[in-house]
All heavy atoms as atom14 arrays in JSON, in Angstrom:
{
  "sequence": "LRNAALESLKYRSELALVRQQDIDVTNFEESLNDFKERFARNYDLA",
  "atom14_mask": [
    [1, 1, 1, 1, 1, 1, 1, 1, 0, 0, 0, 0, 0, 0],
    [1, 1, 1, 1, 1, 1, 1, 1, 1, 1, 1, 0, 0, 0],
    [1, 1, 1, 1, 1, 1, 1, 1, 0, 0, 0, 0, 0, 0],
    [1, 1, 1, 1, 1, 0, 0, 0, 0, 0, 0, 0, 0, 0],
    [1, 1, 1, 1, 1, 0, 0, 0, 0, 0, 0, 0, 0, 0],
    [1, 1, 1, 1, 1, 1, 1, 1, 0, 0, 0, 0, 0, 0],
    [1, 1, 1, 1, 1, 1, 1, 1, 1, 0, 0, 0, 0, 0],
    [1, 1, 1, 1, 1, 1, 0, 0, 0, 0, 0, 0, 0, 0],
    [1, 1, 1, 1, 1, 1, 1, 1, 0, 0, 0, 0, 0, 0],
    [1, 1, 1, 1, 1, 1, 1, 1, 1, 0, 0, 0, 0, 0],
    [1, 1, 1, 1, 1, 1, 1, 1, 1, 1, 1, 1, 0, 0],
    [1, 1, 1, 1, 1, 1, 1, 1, 1, 1, 1, 0, 0, 0],
    [1, 1, 1, 1, 1, 1, 0, 0, 0, 0, 0, 0, 0, 0],
    [1, 1, 1, 1, 1, 1, 1, 1, 1, 0, 0, 0, 0, 0],
    [1, 1, 1, 1, 1, 1, 1, 1, 0, 0, 0, 0, 0, 0],
    [1, 1, 1, 1, 1, 0, 0, 0, 0, 0, 0, 0, 0, 0],
    [1, 1, 1, 1, 1, 1, 1, 1, 0, 0, 0, 0, 0, 0],
    [1, 1, 1, 1, 1, 1, 1, 0, 0, 0, 0, 0, 0, 0],
    [1, 1, 1, 1, 1, 1, 1, 1, 1, 1, 1, 0, 0, 0],
    [1, 1, 1, 1, 1, 1, 1, 1, 1, 0, 0, 0, 0, 0],
    [1, 1, 1, 1, 1, 1, 1, 1, 1, 0, 0, 0, 0, 0],
    [1, 1, 1, 1, 1, 1, 1, 1, 0, 0, 0, 0, 0, 0],
    [1, 1, 1, 1, 1, 1, 1, 1, 0, 0, 0, 0, 0, 0],
    [1, 1, 1, 1, 1, 1, 1, 1, 0, 0, 0, 0, 0, 0],
    [1, 1, 1, 1, 1, 1, 1, 0, 0, 0, 0, 0, 0, 0],
    [1, 1, 1, 1, 1, 1, 1, 0, 0, 0, 0, 0, 0, 0],
    [1, 1, 1, 1, 1, 1, 1, 1, 0, 0, 0, 0, 0, 0],
    [1, 1, 1, 1, 1, 1, 1, 1, 1, 1, 1, 0, 0, 0],
    [1, 1, 1, 1, 1, 1, 1, 1, 1, 0, 0, 0, 0, 0],
    [1, 1, 1, 1, 1, 1, 1, 1, 1, 0, 0, 0, 0, 0],
    [1, 1, 1, 1, 1, 1, 0, 0, 0, 0, 0, 0, 0, 0],
    [1, 1, 1, 1, 1, 1, 1, 1, 0, 0, 0, 0, 0, 0],
    [1, 1, 1, 1, 1, 1, 1, 1, 0, 0, 0, 0, 0, 0],
    [1, 1, 1, 1, 1, 1, 1, 1, 0, 0, 0, 0, 0, 0],
    [1, 1, 1, 1, 1, 1, 1, 1, 1, 1, 1, 0, 0, 0],
    [1, 1, 1, 1, 1, 1, 1, 1, 1, 0, 0, 0, 0, 0],
    [1, 1, 1, 1, 1, 1, 1, 1, 1, 0, 0, 0, 0, 0],
    [1, 1, 1, 1, 1, 1, 1, 1, 1, 1, 1, 0, 0, 0],
    [1, 1, 1, 1, 1, 1, 1, 1, 1, 1, 1, 0, 0, 0],
    [1, 1, 1, 1, 1, 0, 0, 0, 0, 0, 0, 0, 0, 0],
    [1, 1, 1, 1, 1, 1, 1, 1, 1, 1, 1, 0, 0, 0],
    [1, 1, 1, 1, 1, 1, 1, 1, 0, 0, 0, 0, 0, 0],
    [1, 1, 1, 1, 1, 1, 1, 1, 1, 1, 1, 1, 0, 0],
    [1, 1, 1, 1, 1, 1, 1, 1, 0, 0, 0, 0, 0, 0],
    [1, 1, 1, 1, 1, 1, 1, 1, 0, 0, 0, 0, 0, 0],
    [1, 1, 1, 1, 1, 0, 0, 0, 0, 0, 0, 0, 0, 0]
  ],
  "atom14_positions": [
    [[16.2, -64.92, 19.75], [15.82, -64.0, 20.76], [16.12, -62.55, 20.35], [15.34, -61.63, 20.71], [16.55, -64.3, 22.07], [16.21, -65.66, 22.71], [17.03, -65.89, 23.95], [14.72, -65.78, 23.02], [0.0, 0.0, 0.0], [0.0, 0.0, 0.0], [0.0, 0.0, 0.0], [0.0, 0.0, 0.0], [0.0, 0.0, 0.0], [0.0, 0.0, 0.0]],
    [[17.24, -62.36, 19.64], [17.58, -61.02, 19.16], [16.59, -60.46, 18.18], [16.17, -59.3, 18.31], [18.97, -61.09, 18.5], [19.51, -59.79, 18.02], [20.97, -59.97, 17.61], [21.51, -58.8, 16.96], [21.61, -58.61, 15.65], [21.14, -59.57, 14.81], [22.17, -57.57, 15.13], [0.0, 0.0, 0.0], [0.0, 0.0, 0.0], [0.0, 0.0, 0.0]],
    [[16.12, -61.31, 17.23], [15.12, -60.87, 16.26], [13.81, -60.54, 16.94], [13.18, -59.6, 16.63], [14.96, -61.96, 15.19], [16.14, -62.12, 14.3], [16.98, -61.17, 14.2], [16.29, -63.28, 13.72], [0.0, 0.0, 0.0], [0.0, 0.0, 0.0], [0.0, 0.0, 0.0], [0.0, 0.0, 0.0], [0.0, 0.0, 0.0], [0.0, 0.0, 0.0]],
    [[13.41, -61.42, 17.89], [12.22, -61.11, 18.67], [12.37, -59.81, 19.45], [11.36, -59.03, 19.51], [11.94, -62.27, 19.64], [0.0, 0.0, 0.0], [0.0, 0.0, 0.0], [0.0, 0.0, 0.0], [0.0, 0.0, 0.0], [0.0, 0.0, 0.0], [0.0, 0.0, 0.0], [0.0, 0.0, 0.0], [0.0, 0.0, 0.0], [0.0, 0.0, 0.0]],
    [[13.52, -59.57, 20.0], [13.73, -58.32, 20.79], [13.67, -57.11, 19.84], [13.19, -56.03, 20.23], [15.05, -58.34, 21.47], [0.0, 0.0, 0.0], [0.0, 0.0, 0.0], [0.0, 0.0, 0.0], [0.0, 0.0, 0.0], [0.0, 0.0, 0.0], [0.0, 0.0, 0.0], [0.0, 0.0, 0.0], [0.0, 0.0, 0.0], [0.0, 0.0, 0.0]],
    [[14.24, -57.25, 18.65], [14.17, -56.11, 17.63], [12.73, -55.82, 17.34], [12.33, -54.68, 17.22], [14.98, -56.46, 16.44], [16.48, -56.52, 16.59], [17.21, -57.01, 15.3], [17.03, -55.14, 16.96], [0.0, 0.0, 0.0], [0.0, 0.0, 0.0], [0.0, 0.0, 0.0], [0.0, 0.0, 0.0], [0.0, 0.0, 0.0], [0.0, 0.0, 0.0]],
    [[11.91, -56.85, 17.1], [10.52, -56.61, 16.87], [9.87, -55.93, 18.08], [9.07, -55.01, 17.94], [9.81, -57.93, 16.57], [10.17, -58.53, 15.21], [9.71, -57.71, 14.05], [8.64, -57.05, 14.17], [10.35, -57.68, 13.0], [0.0, 0.0, 0.0], [0.0, 0.0, 0.0], [0.0, 0.0, 0.0], [0.0, 0.0, 0.0], [0.0, 0.0, 0.0]],
    [[10.23, -56.46, 19.24], [9.69, -55.84, 20.49], [10.12, -54.38, 20.61], [9.36, -53.47, 21.05], [10.13, -56.65, 21.69], [9.69, -56.04, 22.91], [0.0, 0.0, 0.0], [0.0, 0.0, 0.0], [0.0, 0.0, 0.0], [0.0, 0.0, 0.0], [0.0, 0.0, 0.0], [0.0, 0.0, 0.0], [0.0, 0.0, 0.0], [0.0, 0.0, 0.0]],
    [[11.39, -54.1, 20.23], [11.88, -52.74, 20.28], [11.07, -51.84, 19.38], [10.79, -50.7, 19.71], [13.37, -52.69, 19.91], [14.04, -51.3, 19.91], [13.97, -50.69, 21.31], [15.44, -51.37, 19.44], [0.0, 0.0, 0.0], [0.0, 0.0, 0.0], [0.0, 0.0, 0.0], [0.0, 0.0, 0.0], [0.0, 0.0, 0.0], [0.0, 0.0, 0.0]],
    [[10.79, -52.32, 18.17], [10.04, -51.55, 17.22], [8.65, -51.23, 17.88], [8.17, -50.06, 17.77], [9.86, -52.33, 15.92], [9.07, -51.51, 14.89], [9.01, -52.32, 13.58], [8.18, -53.56, 13.72], [8.03, -54.24, 12.38], [0.0, 0.0, 0.0], [0.0, 0.0, 0.0], [0.0, 0.0, 0.0], [0.0, 0.0, 0.0], [0.0, 0.0, 0.0]],
    [[8.07, -52.28, 18.53], [6.75, -51.99, 19.14], [6.89, -51.05, 20.31], [6.05, -50.14, 20.54], [6.16, -53.3, 19.64], [5.83, -54.18, 18.52], [5.97, -55.6, 18.61], [5.22, -53.77, 17.34], [5.68, -56.47, 17.58], [4.89, -54.63, 16.31], [5.13, -55.99, 16.42], [4.78, -56.79, 15.35], [0.0, 0.0, 0.0], [0.0, 0.0, 0.0]],
    [[8.05, -51.11, 21.09], [8.27, -50.16, 22.18], [8.45, -48.76, 21.69], [7.98, -47.83, 22.23], [9.47, -50.62, 23.0], [9.2, -51.87, 23.84], [10.25, -51.98, 24.98], [11.57, -52.14, 24.45], [12.19, -53.28, 24.24], [11.54, -54.41, 24.5], [13.46, -53.31, 23.79], [0.0, 0.0, 0.0], [0.0, 0.0, 0.0], [0.0, 0.0, 0.0]],
    [[9.18, -48.63, 20.51], [9.28, -47.33, 19.92], [7.97, -46.75, 19.5], [7.67, -45.55, 19.75], [10.3, -47.4, 18.75], [11.52, -47.87, 19.11], [0.0, 0.0, 0.0], [0.0, 0.0, 0.0], [0.0, 0.0, 0.0], [0.0, 0.0, 0.0], [0.0, 0.0, 0.0], [0.0, 0.0, 0.0], [0.0, 0.0, 0.0], [0.0, 0.0, 0.0]],
    [[7.16, -47.6, 18.92], [5.82, -47.15, 18.53], [5.01, -46.77, 19.75], [4.25, -45.76, 19.72], [5.13, -48.21, 17.73], [5.8, -48.48, 16.36], [5.05, -49.64, 15.62], [4.13, -50.23, 16.18], [5.44, -49.88, 14.48], [0.0, 0.0, 0.0], [0.0, 0.0, 0.0], [0.0, 0.0, 0.0], [0.0, 0.0, 0.0], [0.0, 0.0, 0.0]],
    [[5.21, -47.54, 20.84], [4.48, -47.22, 22.07], [4.94, -45.92, 22.67], [4.14, -45.1, 23.09], [4.69, -48.36, 23.1], [4.0, -48.19, 24.44], [2.51, -48.12, 24.25], [4.34, -49.38, 25.37], [0.0, 0.0, 0.0], [0.0, 0.0, 0.0], [0.0, 0.0, 0.0], [0.0, 0.0, 0.0], [0.0, 0.0, 0.0], [0.0, 0.0, 0.0]],
    [[6.29, -45.67, 22.61], [6.77, -44.38, 23.1], [6.22, -43.23, 22.25], [5.89, -42.16, 22.83], [8.28, -44.41, 23.08], [0.0, 0.0, 0.0], [0.0, 0.0, 0.0], [0.0, 0.0, 0.0], [0.0, 0.0, 0.0], [0.0, 0.0, 0.0], [0.0, 0.0, 0.0], [0.0, 0.0, 0.0], [0.0, 0.0, 0.0], [0.0, 0.0, 0.0]],
    [[6.17, -43.45, 20.97], [5.62, -42.4, 20.1], [4.15, -42.15, 20.46], [3.69, -41.0, 20.5], [5.75, -42.83, 18.65], [5.21, -41.83, 17.57], [5.93, -40.5, 17.67], [5.36, -42.4, 16.2], [0.0, 0.0, 0.0], [0.0, 0.0, 0.0], [0.0, 0.0, 0.0], [0.0, 0.0, 0.0], [0.0, 0.0, 0.0], [0.0, 0.0, 0.0]],
    [[3.43, -43.23, 20.7], [2.05, -43.1, 21.08], [1.87, -42.35, 22.44], [1.02, -41.49, 22.57], [1.37, -44.5, 21.12], [-0.05, -44.35, 21.77], [1.29, -45.12, 19.74], [0.0, 0.0, 0.0], [0.0, 0.0, 0.0], [0.0, 0.0, 0.0], [0.0, 0.0, 0.0], [0.0, 0.0, 0.0], [0.0, 0.0, 0.0], [0.0, 0.0, 0.0]],
    [[2.81, -42.74, 23.35], [2.76, -41.96, 24.64], [3.05, -40.49, 24.43], [2.43, -39.66, 25.12], [3.79, -42.58, 25.61], [3.37, -43.98, 26.1], [4.49, -44.57, 26.97], [4.05, -45.87, 27.45], [4.88, -46.72, 28.19], [6.16, -46.3, 28.41], [4.36, -47.85, 28.63], [0.0, 0.0, 0.0], [0.0, 0.0, 0.0], [0.0, 0.0, 0.0]],
    [[4.03, -40.14, 23.56], [4.31, -38.72, 23.28], [3.08, -38.06, 22.65], [2.72, -37.0, 22.96], [5.52, -38.62, 22.34], [5.91, -37.24, 21.98], [6.38, -36.47, 23.21], [7.03, -37.09, 24.16], [6.12, -35.19, 23.3], [0.0, 0.0, 0.0], [0.0, 0.0, 0.0], [0.0, 0.0, 0.0], [0.0, 0.0, 0.0], [0.0, 0.0, 0.0]],
    [[2.44, -38.87, 21.74], [1.19, -38.32, 21.17], [0.15, -38.15, 22.23], [-0.68, -37.25, 22.13], [0.78, -39.29, 20.07], [1.7, -39.28, 18.86], [1.23, -40.32, 17.81], [0.34, -41.13, 18.05], [1.9, -40.33, 16.66], [0.0, 0.0, 0.0], [0.0, 0.0, 0.0], [0.0, 0.0, 0.0], [0.0, 0.0, 0.0], [0.0, 0.0, 0.0]],
    [[0.14, -39.07, 23.21], [-0.83, -38.94, 24.3], [-0.64, -37.62, 25.06], [-1.6, -37.01, 25.53], [-0.71, -40.12, 25.28], [-1.24, -41.39, 24.65], [-1.97, -41.31, 23.66], [-0.88, -42.47, 25.17], [0.0, 0.0, 0.0], [0.0, 0.0, 0.0], [0.0, 0.0, 0.0], [0.0, 0.0, 0.0], [0.0, 0.0, 0.0], [0.0, 0.0, 0.0]],
    [[0.66, -37.22, 25.21], [0.96, -35.94, 25.85], [0.37, -34.84, 25.09], [-0.29, -33.93, 25.6], [2.44, -35.76, 26.08], [2.98, -36.84, 27.06], [2.78, -34.36, 26.63], [4.51, -36.84, 27.15], [0.0, 0.0, 0.0], [0.0, 0.0, 0.0], [0.0, 0.0, 0.0], [0.0, 0.0, 0.0], [0.0, 0.0, 0.0], [0.0, 0.0, 0.0]],
    [[0.58, -34.83, 23.74], [0.01, -33.79, 22.89], [-1.5, -33.86, 22.93], [-2.16, -32.8, 22.93], [0.53, -34.04, 21.46], [2.02, -33.84, 21.37], [2.6, -33.16, 22.19], [2.63, -34.37, 20.4], [0.0, 0.0, 0.0], [0.0, 0.0, 0.0], [0.0, 0.0, 0.0], [0.0, 0.0, 0.0], [0.0, 0.0, 0.0], [0.0, 0.0, 0.0]],
    [[-2.02, -35.07, 22.99], [-3.47, -35.18, 23.07], [-3.97, -34.63, 24.38], [-5.08, -33.96, 24.45], [-3.86, -36.68, 22.94], [-5.33, -36.84, 23.29], [-3.61, -37.16, 21.54], [0.0, 0.0, 0.0], [0.0, 0.0, 0.0], [0.0, 0.0, 0.0], [0.0, 0.0, 0.0], [0.0, 0.0, 0.0], [0.0, 0.0, 0.0], [0.0, 0.0, 0.0]],
    [[-3.2, -34.74, 25.48], [-3.6, -34.23, 26.79], [-3.68, -32.72, 26.73], [-4.63, -32.07, 27.16], [-2.6, -34.66, 27.88], [-2.56, -36.07, 27.91], [-3.05, -34.17, 29.21], [0.0, 0.0, 0.0], [0.0, 0.0, 0.0], [0.0, 0.0, 0.0], [0.0, 0.0, 0.0], [0.0, 0.0, 0.0], [0.0, 0.0, 0.0], [0.0, 0.0, 0.0]],
    [[-2.62, -32.07, 26.07], [-2.68, -30.64, 25.93], [-3.82, -30.17, 25.08], [-4.48, -29.23, 25.38], [-1.33, -30.14, 25.29], [-0.14, -30.37, 26.21], [-0.31, -30.43, 27.43], [1.02, -30.59, 25.6], [0.0, 0.0, 0.0], [0.0, 0.0, 0.0], [0.0, 0.0, 0.0], [0.0, 0.0, 0.0], [0.0, 0.0, 0.0], [0.0, 0.0, 0.0]],
    [[-4.04, -30.92, 24.0], [-5.18, -30.6, 23.15], [-6.48, -30.76, 23.92], [-7.41, -29.96, 23.77], [-5.16, -31.56, 21.94], [-6.38, -31.38, 21.05], [-6.51, -30.3, 20.21], [-7.37, -32.3, 21.13], [-7.61, -30.16, 19.39], [-8.49, -32.22, 20.3], [-8.64, -31.1, 19.43], [0.0, 0.0, 0.0], [0.0, 0.0, 0.0], [0.0, 0.0, 0.0]],
    [[-6.5, -31.77, 24.79], [-7.76, -31.99, 25.54], [-7.98, -30.85, 26.51], [-9.13, -30.44, 26.75], [-7.59, -33.29, 26.3], [-8.9, -33.73, 26.97], [-8.8, -35.08, 27.68], [-7.68, -35.68, 27.6], [-9.79, -35.58, 28.23], [0.0, 0.0, 0.0], [0.0, 0.0, 0.0], [0.0, 0.0, 0.0], [0.0, 0.0, 0.0], [0.0, 0.0, 0.0]],
    [[-6.89, -30.29, 27.14], [-7.09, -29.16, 28.0], [-7.58, -27.95, 27.32], [-8.53, -27.23, 27.76], [-5.71, -28.81, 28.7], [-5.27, -29.94, 29.68], [-3.89, -29.61, 30.3], [-3.35, -28.57, 29.81], [-3.46, -30.34, 31.13], [0.0, 0.0, 0.0], [0.0, 0.0, 0.0], [0.0, 0.0, 0.0], [0.0, 0.0, 0.0], [0.0, 0.0, 0.0]],
    [[-7.01, -27.69, 26.12], [-7.52, -26.58, 25.26], [-8.95, -26.83, 24.9], [-9.82, -25.88, 24.93], [-6.65, -26.46, 24.06], [-5.25, -26.16, 24.39], [0.0, 0.0, 0.0], [0.0, 0.0, 0.0], [0.0, 0.0, 0.0], [0.0, 0.0, 0.0], [0.0, 0.0, 0.0], [0.0, 0.0, 0.0], [0.0, 0.0, 0.0], [0.0, 0.0, 0.0]],
    [[-9.23, -28.03, 24.56], [-10.59, -28.38, 24.18], [-11.59, -28.15, 25.35], [-12.68, -27.62, 25.15], [-10.68, -29.81, 23.67], [-12.03, -30.28, 23.22], [-12.57, -29.45, 22.01], [-12.03, -31.77, 22.84], [0.0, 0.0, 0.0], [0.0, 0.0, 0.0], [0.0, 0.0, 0.0], [0.0, 0.0, 0.0], [0.0, 0.0, 0.0], [0.0, 0.0, 0.0]],
    [[-11.12, -28.57, 26.54], [-12.02, -28.34, 27.71], [-12.24, -26.83, 27.96], [-13.36, -26.42, 28.31], [-11.42, -29.0, 28.95], [-11.42, -30.53, 28.87], [-12.32, -31.08, 28.17], [-10.52, -31.17, 29.5], [0.0, 0.0, 0.0], [0.0, 0.0, 0.0], [0.0, 0.0, 0.0], [0.0, 0.0, 0.0], [0.0, 0.0, 0.0], [0.0, 0.0, 0.0]],
    [[-11.17, -26.0, 27.83], [-11.33, -24.56, 27.99], [-12.33, -24.01, 26.99], [-13.16, -23.24, 27.29], [-10.0, -23.88, 27.92], [-10.05, -22.38, 28.12], [-10.47, -22.0, 29.21], [-9.74, -21.64, 27.18], [0.0, 0.0, 0.0], [0.0, 0.0, 0.0], [0.0, 0.0, 0.0], [0.0, 0.0, 0.0], [0.0, 0.0, 0.0], [0.0, 0.0, 0.0]],
    [[-12.13, -24.48, 25.75], [-13.09, -24.01, 24.72], [-14.49, -24.46, 25.0], [-15.46, -23.69, 24.78], [-12.62, -24.56, 23.31], [-13.62, -24.34, 22.25], [-13.75, -23.08, 21.63], [-14.43, -25.39, 21.84], [-14.67, -22.91, 20.66], [-15.32, -25.19, 20.81], [-15.52, -23.98, 20.2], [0.0, 0.0, 0.0], [0.0, 0.0, 0.0], [0.0, 0.0, 0.0]],
    [[-14.63, -25.68, 25.51], [-15.96, -26.16, 25.88], [-16.56, -25.35, 26.93], [-17.79, -25.06, 26.88], [-15.86, -27.64, 26.25], [-15.61, -28.58, 25.07], [-15.31, -29.94, 25.54], [-16.46, -30.57, 26.26], [-16.17, -31.95, 26.67], [0.0, 0.0, 0.0], [0.0, 0.0, 0.0], [0.0, 0.0, 0.0], [0.0, 0.0, 0.0], [0.0, 0.0, 0.0]],
    [[-15.79, -24.9, 27.93], [-16.34, -24.11, 29.04], [-16.83, -22.77, 28.52], [-17.93, -22.35, 28.84], [-15.28, -23.9, 30.1], [-14.95, -25.22, 30.89], [-13.9, -25.02, 31.92], [-13.34, -23.82, 31.97], [-13.53, -25.97, 32.61], [0.0, 0.0, 0.0], [0.0, 0.0, 0.0], [0.0, 0.0, 0.0], [0.0, 0.0, 0.0], [0.0, 0.0, 0.0]],
    [[-15.94, -22.11, 27.71], [-16.34, -20.79, 27.13], [-17.5, -20.92, 26.24], [-18.42, -20.11, 26.26], [-15.15, -20.14, 26.47], [-14.07, -19.71, 27.45], [-12.91, -18.95, 26.78], [-12.01, -19.88, 26.11], [-11.88, -20.02, 24.85], [-12.67, -19.32, 23.99], [-11.02, -20.83, 24.29], [0.0, 0.0, 0.0], [0.0, 0.0, 0.0], [0.0, 0.0, 0.0]],
    [[-17.48, -21.99, 25.4], [-18.62, -22.22, 24.53], [-19.93, -22.51, 25.32], [-20.98, -22.04, 24.92], [-18.29, -23.42, 23.63], [-19.36, -23.7, 22.65], [-19.55, -22.95, 21.48], [-20.28, -24.74, 22.9], [-20.53, -23.26, 20.55], [-21.32, -25.01, 21.98], [-21.43, -24.24, 20.84], [0.0, 0.0, 0.0], [0.0, 0.0, 0.0], [0.0, 0.0, 0.0]],
    [[-19.72, -23.18, 26.47], [-20.93, -23.48, 27.29], [-21.53, -22.2, 27.88], [-22.77, -22.07, 27.94], [-20.52, -24.45, 28.41], [0.0, 0.0, 0.0], [0.0, 0.0, 0.0], [0.0, 0.0, 0.0], [0.0, 0.0, 0.0], [0.0, 0.0, 0.0], [0.0, 0.0, 0.0], [0.0, 0.0, 0.0], [0.0, 0.0, 0.0], [0.0, 0.0, 0.0]],
    [[-20.66, -21.3, 28.29], [-21.17, -19.99, 28.85], [-21.93, -19.26, 27.74], [-23.05, -18.75, 27.94], [-20.0, -19.18, 29.4], [-19.46, -19.69, 30.68], [-18.58, -18.6, 31.35], [-17.46, -18.25, 30.56], [-16.26, -18.84, 30.61], [-16.07, -19.89, 31.44], [-15.26, -18.47, 29.83], [0.0, 0.0, 0.0], [0.0, 0.0, 0.0], [0.0, 0.0, 0.0]],
    [[-21.32, -19.14, 26.57], [-21.96, -18.45, 25.47], [-23.29, -19.17, 25.08], [-24.3, -18.52, 24.79], [-21.07, -18.36, 24.27], [-19.86, -17.46, 24.61], [-19.9, -16.51, 25.35], [-18.75, -17.7, 23.87], [0.0, 0.0, 0.0], [0.0, 0.0, 0.0], [0.0, 0.0, 0.0], [0.0, 0.0, 0.0], [0.0, 0.0, 0.0], [0.0, 0.0, 0.0]],
    [[-23.21, -20.47, 25.12], [-24.42, -21.2, 24.78], [-25.54, -20.99, 25.77], [-26.72, -20.89, 25.43], [-24.04, -22.68, 24.7], [-25.27, -23.61, 24.39], [-25.73, -23.76, 23.11], [-25.88, -24.23, 25.45], [-26.83, -24.52, 22.87], [-27.0, -25.05, 25.22], [-27.48, -25.21, 23.95], [-28.56, -25.96, 23.7], [0.0, 0.0, 0.0], [0.0, 0.0, 0.0]],
    [[-25.11, -20.87, 27.08], [-26.15, -20.67, 28.08], [-26.83, -19.31, 27.93], [-28.05, -19.17, 27.99], [-25.48, -20.75, 29.49], [-26.47, -20.6, 30.61], [-27.42, -21.42, 30.65], [-26.36, -19.67, 31.4], [0.0, 0.0, 0.0], [0.0, 0.0, 0.0], [0.0, 0.0, 0.0], [0.0, 0.0, 0.0], [0.0, 0.0, 0.0], [0.0, 0.0, 0.0]],
    [[-26.01, -18.24, 27.61], [-26.59, -16.94, 27.39], [-27.5, -16.97, 26.18], [-28.62, -16.45, 26.21], [-25.46, -15.92, 27.18], [-24.57, -15.62, 28.45], [-23.45, -14.68, 28.07], [-25.42, -14.99, 29.54], [0.0, 0.0, 0.0], [0.0, 0.0, 0.0], [0.0, 0.0, 0.0], [0.0, 0.0, 0.0], [0.0, 0.0, 0.0], [0.0, 0.0, 0.0]],
    [[-26.97, -17.59, 25.07], [-27.78, -17.62, 23.85], [-29.03, -18.44, 24.11], [-30.12, -18.06, 23.62], [-26.99, -18.19, 22.73], [0.0, 0.0, 0.0], [0.0, 0.0, 0.0], [0.0, 0.0, 0.0], [0.0, 0.0, 0.0], [0.0, 0.0, 0.0], [0.0, 0.0, 0.0], [0.0, 0.0, 0.0], [0.0, 0.0, 0.0], [0.0, 0.0, 0.0]]
  ]
}
């Protein structure tokens, strides 16, 4: 059970890292959406 838990802990650590990366991805997504809006305005004018 201990070895199985250690493997699970490794997966949980990787999941936590992915979740942290998801936060960074969320910030990146907000910046990307702002860029998309500004780009859309310029695109509309052009």
